[in-house]
C-alpha cells in the first residue's frame, strides 16, 4: 500500500509541475499547410518549424540549393501535410514556434526532428538547447557519414555538361598490306602510308574529309581524297569510330632509269576506317586506326598511328 501511495504521489507531482510549465507542453496538432522546407502551419494558424534544424529554402537564390530544397519540400509535404502529431514547444523565433514533433508507429514514439536529420534534409543547429540535442546531433552525424542530403556535395557542385559536338584534325602515318591488281600480287610489307584529315562529330555521327597517299614501291604511288561518314561510340576522353564513304584516287608510276612516267585518270575507291582515339576535352589526342581502301589499282589495309589536335566539347 505504501509503495502504491508513493507512486500515486509521484504521478500527481509530475502532473502538477507540468501544469506550472516545468515540463514541455505537449499537444496534438494537425499540419494544414507547408510554407517551406521547415516552416509549417497547424490547425490554429500558428506557424511552426522543427527545432534544432536549419534547412535550405525553396526560395534560395542559389539554383542548386533551391533544387534540393524543392525535393525536400515535396517529401515533407507527402509525409506531414494533413497528418496528426504530438508537439512539444521549445521556444519562439521570429514569430515562429520552435517545436519537436512526434508520432506513434506501432506504439513506438518516433521523432520527426530526428528523422529529418537522419535523411539529411537539414543541418543540425544546437540552438535552442533541449533534452533531445544529443539525439539530434547523433542523427545529423549519421547523415553526414553517409553523405546524405545536404552533406552530398555532388548535389551542390556545378559540373560542366558533356556536350556532343567535336572538331579535330588528324595526321597519321602507317604501314601495311597492299594488293596491286595490275600485277596480281600481294605485298605484305614495305608500303608507307600518310594521312591528313579533318573530322567533325555531331550527336554521335562523324563526318570526315581528308587526303591520303600510299608509297607502294620505289616507282609506284597512289593518292587521293576521301569523304566518309560513320558512327562514334564516345565518351569525355575517347572516340571509337567506324565509317565508310567514297574516295577519288590517282595512281602514278615513274621509272627514273627509263624516264618513263605515267599518271592514271581519277578512279573511285571504297574506304573503310576504324579508329580508336584518346583525347583531352580540348587540345591533343592520339590513337590508332585501321584504314582500308578497295579500288581497281592498288587496294590496301594499313595500320596507322594518328596524332590529333582539336576540341571535343564544342
Protein backbone atom coordinates (compact mmCIF):
# COMPACT_ATOMS: atom_id res chain seq x y z
CA UNK A 1 0.00 0.00 0.00
CA UNK A 2 2.83 2.37 0.89
CA UNK A 3 4.53 1.71 -2.48
CA UNK A 4 1.27 2.34 -4.35
CA UNK A 5 0.74 5.55 -2.40
CA UNK A 6 4.26 6.77 -3.22
CA UNK A 7 3.79 6.06 -6.95
CA UNK A 8 0.48 7.92 -6.83
CA UNK A 9 2.16 10.92 -5.20
CA UNK A 10 4.91 10.96 -7.81
CA UNK A 11 2.34 10.95 -10.64
CA UNK A 12 0.41 13.82 -9.02
CA UNK A 13 3.66 15.77 -8.60
CA UNK A 14 4.65 15.29 -12.26
CA UNK A 15 1.24 16.38 -13.45
CA UNK A 16 1.29 19.42 -11.21
CA UNK A 17 4.74 20.66 -12.30
CA UNK A 18 3.76 20.06 -15.90
CA UNK A 19 0.82 22.39 -15.39
CA UNK A 20 3.17 25.05 -14.00
CA UNK A 21 5.43 24.82 -17.05
CA UNK A 22 8.38 22.87 -15.64
CA UNK A 23 7.90 20.18 -18.32
CA UNK A 24 7.47 20.93 -22.04
CA UNK A 25 3.87 21.42 -23.02
CA UNK A 26 2.68 18.61 -25.31
CA UNK A 27 -0.38 18.79 -27.53
CA UNK A 28 -1.90 17.11 -30.55
CA UNK A 29 -1.71 19.14 -33.73
CA UNK A 30 -2.55 18.73 -37.39
CA UNK A 31 -0.38 20.33 -40.07
CA UNK A 32 -2.62 22.07 -42.58
CA UNK A 33 -0.07 23.91 -44.74
CA UNK A 34 3.61 23.61 -45.73
CA UNK A 35 5.15 27.08 -46.16
CA UNK A 36 8.75 25.97 -46.76
CA UNK A 37 11.07 23.05 -46.12
CA UNK A 38 11.00 23.79 -42.38
CA UNK A 39 8.06 26.07 -41.82
CA UNK A 40 4.56 24.71 -41.39
CA UNK A 41 1.14 25.84 -40.25
CA UNK A 42 -1.06 23.97 -37.80
CA UNK A 43 -4.84 23.99 -37.40
CA UNK A 44 -4.99 27.17 -35.30
CA UNK A 45 -2.85 29.01 -37.94
CA UNK A 46 0.25 29.00 -35.73
CA UNK A 47 3.49 28.94 -37.71
CA UNK A 48 5.92 26.26 -36.51
CA UNK A 49 9.30 24.87 -37.50
CA UNK A 50 11.26 21.83 -36.37
CA UNK A 51 13.63 22.85 -33.56
CA UNK A 52 17.41 22.43 -33.91
CA UNK A 53 17.22 22.13 -37.73
CA UNK A 54 18.47 24.55 -40.40
CA UNK A 55 17.38 23.89 -43.99
CA UNK A 56 17.72 25.33 -47.47
CA UNK A 57 14.70 27.28 -48.65
CA UNK A 58 12.67 26.73 -51.79
CA UNK A 59 13.24 30.47 -52.35
CA UNK A 60 17.04 30.26 -52.08
CA UNK A 61 18.81 32.38 -54.75
CA UNK A 62 21.25 29.50 -55.41
CA UNK A 63 19.62 27.30 -58.06
CA UNK A 64 21.27 24.07 -56.83
CA UNK A 65 20.20 24.66 -53.23
CA UNK A 66 16.74 25.63 -54.46
CA UNK A 67 16.53 22.41 -56.46
CA UNK A 68 17.46 20.33 -53.41
CA UNK A 69 15.02 22.28 -51.23
CA UNK A 70 12.23 21.56 -53.72
CA UNK A 71 12.86 17.81 -53.39
CA UNK A 72 12.84 18.07 -49.60
CA UNK A 73 9.68 20.20 -49.76
CA UNK A 74 7.84 17.55 -51.82
CA UNK A 75 8.94 14.81 -49.43
CA UNK A 76 7.92 16.88 -46.40
CA UNK A 77 4.53 17.65 -47.93
CA UNK A 78 3.88 13.99 -48.60
CA UNK A 79 4.66 12.89 -45.03
CA UNK A 80 3.46 15.84 -42.93
CA UNK A 81 0.53 17.53 -44.63
CA UNK A 82 -2.86 16.65 -43.07
CA UNK A 83 -1.21 14.33 -40.54
CA UNK A 84 -1.55 14.48 -36.77
CA UNK A 85 1.46 14.73 -34.47
CA UNK A 86 2.30 15.22 -30.83
CA UNK A 87 4.02 18.58 -30.44
CA UNK A 88 6.33 19.98 -27.78
CA UNK A 89 7.07 23.70 -28.00
CA UNK A 90 10.59 24.76 -27.01
CA UNK A 91 10.71 28.45 -27.92
CA UNK A 92 9.83 31.21 -30.35
CA UNK A 93 11.94 32.69 -33.14
CA UNK A 94 10.69 35.45 -35.46
CA UNK A 95 7.07 34.67 -34.52
CA UNK A 96 7.60 31.01 -35.46
CA UNK A 97 7.29 28.39 -32.73
CA UNK A 98 10.27 26.05 -32.44
CA UNK A 99 8.83 22.58 -31.84
CA UNK A 100 9.60 18.90 -31.51
CA UNK A 101 7.15 16.70 -33.39
CA UNK A 102 6.43 13.06 -32.62
CA UNK A 103 4.18 10.33 -33.93
CA UNK A 104 3.44 6.84 -32.71
CA UNK A 105 4.20 3.94 -35.03
CA UNK A 106 3.18 0.57 -33.57
CA UNK A 107 3.37 2.04 -30.07
CA UNK A 108 6.88 3.38 -30.73
CA UNK A 109 7.35 7.12 -30.37
CA UNK A 110 9.22 8.45 -33.42
CA UNK A 111 10.80 11.89 -33.53
CA UNK A 112 10.18 13.80 -36.77
CA UNK A 113 13.08 16.14 -35.98
CA UNK A 114 15.46 13.21 -35.64
CA UNK A 115 14.16 11.56 -38.81
CA UNK A 116 14.54 14.83 -40.71
CA UNK A 117 18.20 15.00 -39.71
CA UNK A 118 18.84 11.30 -40.42
CA UNK A 119 17.70 11.78 -44.02
CA UNK A 120 19.92 14.85 -44.44
CA UNK A 121 17.05 17.25 -45.16
CA UNK A 122 18.76 19.85 -42.98
CA UNK A 123 21.74 20.72 -40.78
CA UNK A 124 21.82 20.28 -37.03
CA UNK A 125 21.50 23.58 -35.12
CA UNK A 126 22.45 23.33 -31.42
CA UNK A 127 20.23 26.28 -30.51
CA UNK A 128 17.97 26.18 -28.59
CA UNK A 129 19.40 23.65 -26.18
CA UNK A 130 16.98 20.81 -25.41
CA UNK A 131 16.91 17.34 -23.90
CA UNK A 132 16.96 15.99 -27.50
CA UNK A 133 20.19 17.76 -28.50
CA UNK A 134 22.46 14.68 -28.27
CA UNK A 135 19.88 12.58 -30.12
CA UNK A 136 19.67 15.13 -32.94
CA UNK A 137 23.43 15.57 -33.15
CA UNK A 138 23.86 11.81 -33.48
CA UNK A 139 21.26 11.67 -36.29
CA UNK A 140 22.96 14.53 -38.13
CA UNK A 141 26.38 12.87 -37.84
CA UNK A 142 24.89 9.68 -39.29
CA UNK A 143 23.63 11.57 -42.35
CA UNK A 144 27.00 13.31 -42.71
CA UNK A 145 28.85 9.99 -42.57
CA UNK A 146 26.63 8.57 -45.32
CA UNK A 147 26.80 11.77 -47.45
CA UNK A 148 23.03 12.11 -47.44
CA UNK A 149 21.02 15.17 -48.42
CA UNK A 150 22.71 18.45 -47.55
CA UNK A 151 26.00 16.62 -47.00
CA UNK A 152 26.11 15.25 -50.56
CA UNK A 153 28.47 17.77 -52.17
CA UNK A 154 27.73 16.48 -55.67
CA UNK A 155 24.23 17.96 -55.46
CA UNK A 156 25.65 21.44 -54.89
CA UNK A 157 28.53 21.38 -57.38
CA UNK A 158 28.10 22.57 -60.92
CA UNK A 159 29.56 20.02 -63.36
CA UNK A 160 30.06 21.23 -66.92
CA UNK A 161 27.61 19.29 -69.07
CA UNK A 162 29.13 16.86 -71.52
CA UNK A 163 28.36 18.17 -74.97
CA UNK A 164 28.08 16.06 -78.08
CA UNK A 165 29.96 18.05 -80.70
CA UNK A 166 33.64 17.88 -81.62
CA UNK A 167 36.03 19.11 -84.30
CA UNK A 168 39.57 17.81 -84.81
CA UNK A 169 42.24 17.12 -87.42
CA UNK A 170 44.42 14.02 -87.74
CA UNK A 171 47.92 13.47 -89.00
CA UNK A 172 48.69 9.79 -89.42
CA UNK A 173 51.46 7.54 -90.66
CA UNK A 174 51.35 3.80 -91.08
CA UNK A 175 52.25 0.67 -92.94
CA UNK A 176 50.50 -2.49 -94.01
CA UNK A 177 49.46 -4.80 -96.80
CA UNK A 178 48.66 -3.89 -100.43
CA UNK A 179 47.20 -5.75 -103.40
CA UNK A 180 48.07 -4.44 -106.86
CA UNK A 181 45.57 -5.69 -109.42
CA UNK A 182 47.74 -4.73 -112.40
CA UNK A 183 50.45 -7.10 -111.31
CA UNK A 184 48.15 -9.51 -109.49
CA UNK A 185 50.37 -9.61 -106.43
CA UNK A 186 50.02 -9.05 -102.72
CA UNK A 187 52.73 -7.15 -100.84
CA UNK A 188 52.69 -7.86 -97.10
CA UNK A 189 55.03 -5.04 -96.16
CA UNK A 190 57.02 -2.10 -97.35
CA UNK A 191 54.09 0.19 -98.14
CA UNK A 192 54.31 3.59 -96.45
CA UNK A 193 51.06 5.45 -95.78
CA UNK A 194 50.35 9.03 -94.71
CA UNK A 195 47.04 10.72 -93.95
CA UNK A 196 45.85 14.26 -93.24
CA UNK A 197 42.17 14.60 -92.38
CA UNK A 198 39.52 16.79 -90.76
CA UNK A 199 36.71 15.30 -88.63
CA UNK A 200 33.56 16.62 -87.02
CA UNK A 201 31.17 14.81 -84.69
CA UNK A 202 27.56 15.81 -84.13
CA UNK A 203 25.39 13.72 -81.78
CA UNK A 204 27.41 10.59 -82.48
CA UNK A 205 27.60 10.99 -86.27
CA UNK A 206 31.11 11.60 -87.62
CA UNK A 207 31.90 13.22 -90.97
CA UNK A 208 35.48 13.06 -92.25
CA UNK A 209 37.31 14.61 -95.19
CA UNK A 210 40.96 14.18 -95.98
CA UNK A 211 43.86 13.39 -98.23
CA UNK A 212 45.90 10.19 -98.07
CA UNK A 213 48.75 8.76 -100.05
CA UNK A 214 50.49 5.42 -100.16
CA UNK A 215 54.00 4.68 -101.35
CA UNK A 216 53.82 1.20 -102.88
CA UNK A 217 57.42 0.83 -104.04
CA UNK A 218 60.23 2.92 -105.45
CA UNK A 219 58.27 3.60 -108.65
CA UNK A 220 54.62 3.26 -107.74
CA UNK A 221 52.43 5.59 -105.63
CA UNK A 222 48.74 6.21 -105.14
CA UNK A 223 46.96 9.14 -103.55
CA UNK A 224 43.55 10.76 -103.36
CA UNK A 225 40.82 12.47 -101.41
CA UNK A 226 38.18 10.74 -99.32
CA UNK A 227 34.85 11.65 -97.76
CA UNK A 228 33.38 9.32 -95.16
CA UNK A 229 30.52 9.22 -92.67
CA UNK A 230 30.08 6.95 -89.68
CA UNK A 231 29.14 6.49 -86.06
CA UNK A 232 31.14 7.13 -82.92
CA UNK A 233 30.86 5.41 -79.57
CA UNK A 234 32.32 8.20 -77.49
CA UNK A 235 32.97 9.49 -74.01
CA UNK A 236 34.60 12.51 -72.48
CA UNK A 237 38.08 11.11 -73.16
CA UNK A 238 37.76 8.79 -76.15
CA UNK A 239 36.10 8.09 -79.51
CA UNK A 240 35.66 4.73 -81.22
CA UNK A 241 34.68 5.44 -84.82
CA UNK A 242 33.53 3.22 -87.68
CA UNK A 243 32.97 4.92 -91.04
CA UNK A 244 32.82 4.40 -94.78
CA UNK A 245 32.26 6.54 -97.86
CA UNK A 246 33.92 7.32 -101.17
CA UNK A 247 37.39 8.22 -102.37
CA UNK A 248 38.76 9.69 -105.60
CA UNK A 249 42.23 8.34 -106.33
CA UNK A 250 45.05 8.62 -108.81
CA UNK A 251 47.95 6.26 -109.35
CA UNK A 252 51.36 7.34 -110.55
CA UNK A 253 54.34 5.42 -111.88
CA UNK A 254 57.75 6.83 -112.59
CA UNK A 255 60.96 4.99 -113.55
CA UNK A 256 63.93 7.36 -113.37
CA UNK A 257 66.18 4.91 -115.17
CA UNK A 258 64.00 4.73 -118.30
CA UNK A 259 62.43 8.18 -117.92
CA UNK A 260 59.05 6.51 -118.14
CA UNK A 261 56.22 8.10 -116.15
CA UNK A 262 52.53 7.51 -116.04
CA UNK A 263 49.59 9.10 -114.15
CA UNK A 264 46.21 7.44 -114.23
CA UNK A 265 42.84 9.04 -114.70
CA UNK A 266 40.88 9.55 -111.46
CA UNK A 267 39.16 6.40 -110.24
CA UNK A 268 36.81 5.68 -107.37
CA UNK A 269 37.57 3.73 -104.24
CA UNK A 270 35.65 2.40 -101.25
CA UNK A 271 37.33 3.49 -97.98
CA UNK A 272 36.59 1.70 -94.70
CA UNK A 273 38.01 3.17 -91.50
CA UNK A 274 38.06 2.02 -87.86
CA UNK A 275 39.62 4.50 -85.47
CA UNK A 276 40.29 4.47 -81.72
CA UNK A 277 41.18 7.93 -80.43
CA UNK A 278 42.06 9.08 -76.91
CA UNK A 279 41.98 12.82 -76.27
CA UNK A 280 41.73 15.64 -73.78
CA UNK A 281 38.49 17.68 -73.86
CA UNK A 282 40.47 20.26 -75.80
CA UNK A 283 43.95 20.07 -77.26
CA UNK A 284 45.89 16.94 -78.13
CA UNK A 285 44.77 13.41 -78.85
CA UNK A 286 46.37 10.22 -80.14
CA UNK A 287 45.30 6.79 -81.26
CA UNK A 288 45.36 4.06 -83.86
CA UNK A 289 43.26 3.35 -86.92
CA UNK A 290 42.73 0.58 -89.43
CA UNK A 291 42.48 2.16 -92.91
CA UNK A 292 41.22 0.18 -95.90
CA UNK A 293 40.61 1.23 -99.47
CA UNK A 294 39.24 -1.07 -102.16
CA UNK A 295 39.85 0.16 -105.71
CA UNK A 296 40.83 -1.03 -109.18
CA UNK A 297 44.52 -0.14 -108.95
CA UNK A 298 46.00 -0.95 -105.54
CA UNK A 299 43.77 -1.87 -102.62
CA UNK A 300 45.34 -1.69 -99.18
CA UNK A 301 44.92 -2.46 -95.49
CA UNK A 302 47.01 -0.17 -93.28
CA UNK A 303 47.59 0.18 -89.54
CA UNK A 304 48.06 3.87 -88.79
CA UNK A 305 49.23 5.85 -85.78
CA UNK A 306 47.42 9.20 -85.53
CA UNK A 307 48.14 12.44 -83.70
CA UNK A 308 45.15 14.73 -83.29
CA UNK A 309 44.53 18.36 -82.48
CA UNK A 310 41.03 19.61 -81.77
CA UNK A 311 38.18 20.41 -79.45
CA UNK A 312 35.86 17.67 -78.20
CA UNK A 313 33.48 19.79 -76.06
CA UNK A 314 32.03 22.24 -78.59
